[in-house]
Amino acid sequence: MSKTLPPPNTSVATNALSRRFSIDEPDERPAQRGSAAPEHPTSISPHLIAPNPFNKRRIDPGSKDIRELGDSMATGQIQASTIATRAAFLRIFPELEETIGDAQYVQLAGGRRRAAAIVKGIDLDVRVKDEFADSPERWKAATAVENLKRQDLDLIEEAESVAEVFEACGRNQSAAARELGHDQPWVAHRLNLLKLSPEAQELIRQHRLPIRELRGSLHSKAEKEQIEYLQEVLRLRGKLTAAAAEPAEPGETPKVPPVPAQRAQRPSPIDRAVARLGKTPVEVGANLAQRLDADARRVVAAALLEGLDR
């Protein structure tokens, strides 16, 4: 008798694709009899690891964040970085041999930690998981899902990660939407951002424009019109900022310039769940502590600390 599948969860970290491609999930395939699992190092020089060629996230090794992360890691590394062996990676991407050079391993997740370890001159705690290199699709999707968990992606980086999931789903927008816990227009809007001109994409990156301020049809405009529209958005944002900072004269109603029509975004189920727990981090923590047993509290605390290390 067939079972009714539950509806997809709206959290990237808990939906079907994330369970399949999450680097935090154990490999559930049974080991072959008579074969001992190969021994891999748990801490190595980051210079032996090539960066993930499919990671769309921009990492600046000279940034303050990377330096501070390196200082923190020097006192102890909470989370190991996930890597694959050179042989496993090249089995699925032989064309990238020159790209990874002489590296013995390839990073799957933890690019910031690798950069921080290089800057600080320390070894990197790692775990080798070649199972994520069993197909090009699995590797690309795992990379994309990990990136989408981050909160500091700019809009173009997010769109590039969505595109990887889209490719892993056979270029089917509806399938990608189900896996990501969103609807098809959410996926389509982000994919359309990658059709903008390079100059328009760079403006969006530099000013970290939110998607709610971008017309869904912007990609269909000529490059000049795209730039003009984005410059107008930036001009209006500047006026709104100035109007908010400058108090009105006594008895005068502040004049706020109009903004482009926007479609209100509903809070996600996760946002609503957090809001029900409290209005401040302290309230959220206190309410969680009341509802969870000691073991569960330790798991949540560890997960939050791991997020700081990413």
Protein backbone atom coordinates (compact mmCIF):
# COMPACT_ATOMS: atom_id res chain seq x y z
CA MET A 1 0.00 0.00 0.00
CA SER A 2 1.44 3.37 -0.98
CA LYS A 3 2.05 5.92 1.75
CA THR A 4 1.05 9.56 1.50
CA LEU A 5 4.15 11.73 1.58
CA PRO A 6 4.10 14.74 3.88
CA PRO A 7 4.26 18.20 2.31
CA PRO A 8 7.76 19.62 1.85
CA ASN A 9 9.21 21.50 4.79
CA THR A 10 9.95 25.15 4.18
CA SER A 11 13.39 24.93 5.75
CA VAL A 12 16.24 24.23 3.36
CA ALA A 13 18.04 22.33 6.09
CA THR A 14 15.23 19.86 6.65
CA ASN A 15 13.63 19.31 3.26
CA ALA A 16 14.20 16.29 1.07
CA LEU A 17 17.08 17.74 -0.90
CA SER A 18 18.87 18.89 2.24
CA ARG A 19 18.51 15.44 3.81
CA ARG A 20 19.94 13.89 0.67
CA PHE A 21 22.72 16.37 0.18
CA SER A 22 23.41 17.77 3.67
CA ILE A 23 27.02 17.32 4.70
CA ASP A 24 25.84 16.79 8.27
CA GLU A 25 23.95 13.62 7.42
CA PRO A 26 25.73 10.30 7.90
CA ASP A 27 26.25 8.02 4.90
CA GLU A 28 23.47 5.45 5.23
CA ARG A 29 24.78 3.08 2.58
CA PRO A 30 25.91 -0.25 4.07
CA ALA A 31 29.64 -0.92 3.99
CA GLN A 32 30.80 -3.70 1.73
CA ARG A 33 31.68 -6.89 3.55
CA GLY A 34 35.33 -7.70 3.87
CA SER A 35 36.42 -4.15 3.08
CA ALA A 36 37.88 -1.98 5.81
CA ALA A 37 37.07 1.71 5.70
CA PRO A 38 40.13 3.70 4.61
CA GLU A 39 41.79 5.77 7.30
CA HIS A 40 41.74 9.49 6.68
CA PRO A 41 43.37 12.35 8.56
CA THR A 42 41.27 14.47 10.89
CA SER A 43 43.56 17.50 10.85
CA ILE A 44 45.72 18.63 7.92
CA SER A 45 47.37 21.67 6.42
CA PRO A 46 44.79 23.76 4.53
CA HIS A 47 47.34 24.10 1.72
CA LEU A 48 46.64 20.45 0.86
CA ILE A 49 42.98 21.28 0.16
CA ALA A 50 41.72 22.90 -3.04
CA PRO A 51 38.75 25.27 -2.74
CA ASN A 52 35.43 23.98 -4.04
CA PRO A 53 35.21 25.10 -7.71
CA PHE A 54 31.41 25.19 -7.44
CA ASN A 55 31.18 27.34 -4.34
CA LYS A 56 29.66 30.63 -5.51
CA ARG A 57 30.36 32.35 -2.21
CA ARG A 58 32.90 35.15 -2.34
CA ILE A 59 35.58 34.81 0.33
CA ASP A 60 38.08 37.60 1.01
CA PRO A 61 41.09 36.12 2.87
CA GLY A 62 42.16 39.62 3.92
CA SER A 63 38.85 40.59 5.51
CA LYS A 64 38.43 41.31 9.20
CA ASP A 65 35.90 38.48 9.52
CA ILE A 66 38.40 35.90 8.24
CA ARG A 67 41.13 37.19 10.56
CA GLU A 68 38.80 37.04 13.55
CA LEU A 69 37.65 33.56 12.58
CA GLY A 70 41.28 32.46 12.41
CA ASP A 71 41.91 33.85 15.91
CA SER A 72 38.91 31.90 17.19
CA MET A 73 39.95 28.68 15.45
CA ALA A 74 43.44 28.93 16.93
CA THR A 75 41.90 28.32 20.37
CA GLY A 76 39.88 25.32 19.16
CA GLN A 77 37.76 24.32 16.17
CA ILE A 78 34.14 23.52 16.95
CA GLN A 79 33.26 22.11 13.55
CA ALA A 80 35.34 20.09 11.11
CA SER A 81 35.36 21.07 7.44
CA THR A 82 34.00 18.52 4.99
CA ILE A 83 36.34 17.47 2.17
CA ALA A 84 36.69 14.73 -0.43
CA THR A 85 39.79 12.99 -1.68
CA ARG A 86 41.39 14.08 -4.92
CA ALA A 87 40.67 10.70 -6.52
CA ALA A 88 36.97 10.78 -5.63
CA PHE A 89 36.53 14.34 -6.92
CA LEU A 90 38.34 13.72 -10.20
CA ARG A 91 36.25 10.60 -10.86
CA ILE A 92 33.24 12.86 -11.35
CA PHE A 93 35.02 16.01 -12.57
CA PRO A 94 38.07 14.85 -14.56
CA GLU A 95 38.02 18.09 -16.52
CA LEU A 96 38.88 20.03 -13.34
CA GLU A 97 42.24 18.36 -12.67
CA GLU A 98 44.13 21.48 -13.69
CA THR A 99 41.80 23.65 -11.58
CA ILE A 100 42.55 21.84 -8.32
CA GLY A 101 46.27 21.59 -9.09
CA ASP A 102 48.28 19.22 -6.87
CA ALA A 103 45.84 19.35 -3.95
CA GLN A 104 45.26 16.03 -2.22
CA TYR A 105 41.72 16.98 -1.18
CA VAL A 106 38.89 19.24 -2.35
CA GLN A 107 36.72 21.32 -0.06
CA LEU A 108 33.00 20.62 -0.05
CA ALA A 109 31.97 22.97 2.76
CA GLY A 110 33.85 25.24 5.12
CA GLY A 111 35.54 27.60 2.68
CA ARG A 112 35.77 30.43 5.23
CA ARG A 113 37.39 28.13 7.75
CA ARG A 114 39.93 26.96 5.17
CA ALA A 115 40.80 30.60 4.34
CA ALA A 116 41.06 31.48 8.03
CA ALA A 117 43.36 28.52 8.71
CA ILE A 118 45.67 29.61 5.87
CA VAL A 119 45.79 33.19 7.15
CA LYS A 120 46.42 32.04 10.73
CA GLY A 121 48.95 29.37 9.71
CA ILE A 122 47.21 26.51 11.51
CA ASP A 123 46.02 23.05 10.53
CA LEU A 124 42.36 22.56 9.67
CA ASP A 125 40.13 19.98 11.34
CA VAL A 126 38.49 17.93 8.58
CA ARG A 127 36.30 14.96 7.86
CA VAL A 128 36.60 13.11 4.57
CA LYS A 129 33.25 12.22 3.00
CA ASP A 130 33.79 10.80 -0.47
CA GLU A 131 30.15 9.72 -0.67
CA PHE A 132 29.29 13.26 -1.76
CA ALA A 133 31.49 12.72 -4.82
CA ASP A 134 29.48 9.77 -6.16
CA SER A 135 27.94 11.96 -8.89
CA PRO A 136 28.34 15.51 -10.24
CA GLU A 137 24.72 16.27 -9.34
CA ARG A 138 25.12 15.27 -5.71
CA TRP A 139 28.28 17.33 -5.29
CA LYS A 140 26.77 20.45 -6.87
CA ALA A 141 23.51 20.15 -4.96
CA ALA A 142 25.29 19.59 -1.62
CA THR A 143 27.38 22.71 -2.28
CA ALA A 144 24.29 24.74 -3.15
CA VAL A 145 22.28 23.61 -0.13
CA GLU A 146 25.13 24.47 2.23
CA ASN A 147 25.43 27.94 0.69
CA LEU A 148 21.71 28.60 0.98
CA LYS A 149 21.89 27.93 4.72
CA ARG A 150 24.12 30.97 5.11
CA GLN A 151 22.55 34.27 6.10
CA ASP A 152 25.20 36.54 4.55
CA LEU A 153 24.83 35.65 0.87
CA ASP A 154 24.16 38.55 -1.46
CA LEU A 155 21.22 38.19 -3.82
CA ILE A 156 23.32 37.10 -6.80
CA GLU A 157 25.16 34.47 -4.74
CA GLU A 158 21.78 33.18 -3.58
CA ALA A 159 20.55 33.06 -7.18
CA GLU A 160 23.65 31.12 -8.25
CA SER A 161 23.05 28.57 -5.49
CA VAL A 162 19.40 28.21 -6.51
CA ALA A 163 20.60 27.63 -10.08
CA GLU A 164 22.76 24.71 -8.88
CA VAL A 165 19.74 23.08 -7.24
CA PHE A 166 17.74 23.79 -10.40
CA GLU A 167 20.37 21.94 -12.45
CA ALA A 168 20.44 19.04 -9.96
CA CYS A 169 16.65 18.76 -10.37
CA GLY A 170 16.89 18.31 -14.14
CA ARG A 171 16.25 22.02 -14.85
CA ASN A 172 12.75 21.69 -13.45
CA GLN A 173 11.69 24.82 -11.55
CA SER A 174 8.78 23.16 -9.77
CA ALA A 175 10.99 20.31 -8.56
CA ALA A 176 13.65 22.76 -7.38
CA ALA A 177 10.98 24.77 -5.56
CA ARG A 178 9.71 21.67 -3.75
CA GLU A 179 13.20 20.74 -2.65
CA LEU A 180 13.95 24.26 -1.43
CA GLY A 181 10.63 24.64 0.38
CA HIS A 182 9.46 27.58 -1.74
CA ASP A 183 7.06 28.10 -4.61
CA GLN A 184 7.95 28.13 -8.31
CA PRO A 185 7.84 31.96 -8.69
CA TRP A 186 10.42 32.25 -5.87
CA VAL A 187 12.80 30.04 -7.86
CA ALA A 188 12.01 31.71 -11.20
CA HIS A 189 12.61 35.22 -9.84
CA ARG A 190 16.09 34.25 -8.64
CA LEU A 191 16.99 32.42 -11.83
CA ASN A 192 15.96 35.50 -13.78
CA LEU A 193 18.48 37.59 -11.86
CA LEU A 194 21.23 35.60 -13.57
CA LYS A 195 19.88 36.79 -16.92
CA LEU A 196 20.65 40.42 -16.02
CA SER A 197 23.70 42.08 -17.50
CA PRO A 198 26.97 41.72 -15.56
CA GLU A 199 26.85 45.45 -14.74
CA ALA A 200 23.33 45.15 -13.31
CA GLN A 201 24.31 42.11 -11.25
CA GLU A 202 27.31 43.98 -9.87
CA LEU A 203 25.10 46.90 -8.79
CA ILE A 204 22.85 44.46 -6.95
CA ARG A 205 25.89 42.88 -5.28
CA GLN A 206 27.56 46.15 -4.29
CA HIS A 207 24.45 47.68 -2.75
CA ARG A 208 22.99 44.38 -1.47
CA LEU A 209 19.61 45.24 -2.93
CA PRO A 210 16.75 43.05 -1.66
CA ILE A 211 14.75 41.12 -4.20
CA ARG A 212 11.51 42.86 -3.20
CA GLU A 213 12.84 46.04 -4.85
CA LEU A 214 13.54 44.36 -8.19
CA ARG A 215 10.88 43.95 -10.85
CA GLY A 216 10.32 40.37 -11.93
CA SER A 217 10.49 41.44 -15.59
CA LEU A 218 13.71 43.40 -15.23
CA HIS A 219 15.73 40.68 -16.99
CA SER A 220 13.68 41.18 -20.17
CA LYS A 221 14.72 44.83 -20.47
CA ALA A 222 17.67 46.13 -22.44
CA GLU A 223 20.91 46.53 -20.50
CA LYS A 224 20.59 50.33 -20.45
CA GLU A 225 17.06 50.11 -19.01
CA GLN A 226 18.23 47.64 -16.36
CA ILE A 227 20.92 50.04 -15.17
CA GLU A 228 18.58 53.04 -15.25
CA TYR A 229 15.99 51.19 -13.19
CA LEU A 230 18.54 50.09 -10.58
CA GLN A 231 19.98 53.60 -10.37
CA GLU A 232 16.47 54.94 -9.76
CA VAL A 233 15.95 52.38 -7.00
CA LEU A 234 19.21 53.47 -5.41
CA ARG A 235 18.25 57.15 -5.76
CA LEU A 236 14.92 56.54 -4.03
CA ARG A 237 16.59 54.50 -1.31
CA GLY A 238 18.94 57.43 -0.69
CA LYS A 239 16.03 59.86 -0.45
CA LEU A 240 14.17 57.59 1.94
CA THR A 241 17.26 57.33 4.13
CA ALA A 242 17.70 61.09 4.13
CA ALA A 243 14.00 61.69 4.86
CA ALA A 244 14.12 59.29 7.79
CA ALA A 245 17.20 61.00 9.21
CA GLU A 246 15.96 64.58 8.78
CA PRO A 247 13.13 65.61 11.16
CA ALA A 248 10.23 67.57 9.73
CA GLU A 249 9.58 71.17 10.70
CA PRO A 250 7.03 71.68 13.50
CA GLY A 251 3.53 71.18 12.11
CA GLU A 252 4.86 69.88 8.81
CA THR A 253 4.09 66.39 7.53
CA PRO A 254 7.28 64.65 6.37
CA LYS A 255 7.37 64.11 2.62
CA VAL A 256 8.53 60.63 1.78
CA PRO A 257 9.20 59.89 -1.88
CA PRO A 258 7.29 56.99 -3.40
CA VAL A 259 9.01 53.66 -3.83
CA PRO A 260 8.54 51.14 -6.62
CA ALA A 261 5.52 48.92 -6.15
CA GLN A 262 6.46 45.91 -4.06
CA ARG A 263 4.70 42.70 -3.30
CA ALA A 264 4.62 42.15 0.43
CA GLN A 265 6.58 39.11 1.51
CA ARG A 266 4.98 36.85 4.05
CA PRO A 267 7.16 35.70 6.93
CA SER A 268 8.37 32.14 6.56
CA PRO A 269 7.12 29.39 8.90
CA ILE A 270 10.50 29.47 10.64
CA ASP A 271 10.18 33.24 11.24
CA ARG A 272 6.70 32.74 12.64
CA ALA A 273 7.85 29.90 14.88
CA VAL A 274 10.71 31.98 16.29
CA ALA A 275 8.39 34.95 16.82
CA ARG A 276 6.07 32.77 18.90
CA LEU A 277 8.98 31.91 21.19
CA GLY A 278 9.70 35.51 22.11
CA LYS A 279 10.56 39.02 20.98
CA THR A 280 14.21 38.96 22.05
CA PRO A 281 17.01 36.36 21.92
CA VAL A 282 16.82 36.11 25.70
CA GLU A 283 13.09 35.33 25.60
CA VAL A 284 13.58 32.80 22.80
CA GLY A 285 16.33 31.08 24.74
CA ALA A 286 14.33 31.00 27.97
CA ASN A 287 11.25 29.55 26.28
CA LEU A 288 13.31 26.92 24.47
CA ALA A 289 14.98 25.94 27.73
CA GLN A 290 11.57 25.36 29.31
CA ARG A 291 10.39 23.16 26.46
CA LEU A 292 13.53 21.06 25.86
CA ASP A 293 15.24 18.47 28.01
CA ALA A 294 18.94 18.70 28.87
CA ASP A 295 20.14 16.64 25.89
CA ALA A 296 18.07 18.66 23.42
CA ARG A 297 19.36 21.93 24.90
CA ARG A 298 22.94 20.78 24.41
CA VAL A 299 22.22 19.87 20.76
CA VAL A 300 20.66 23.29 20.09
CA ALA A 301 23.54 25.09 21.83
CA ALA A 302 26.10 23.15 19.78
CA ALA A 303 24.25 23.95 16.53
CA LEU A 304 24.19 27.67 17.37
CA LEU A 305 27.90 27.67 18.17
CA GLU A 306 28.65 25.86 14.92
CA GLY A 307 26.79 28.58 13.04
CA LEU A 308 29.18 31.18 14.50
CA ASP A 309 32.14 29.23 13.11
CA ARG A 310 30.88 29.16 9.53
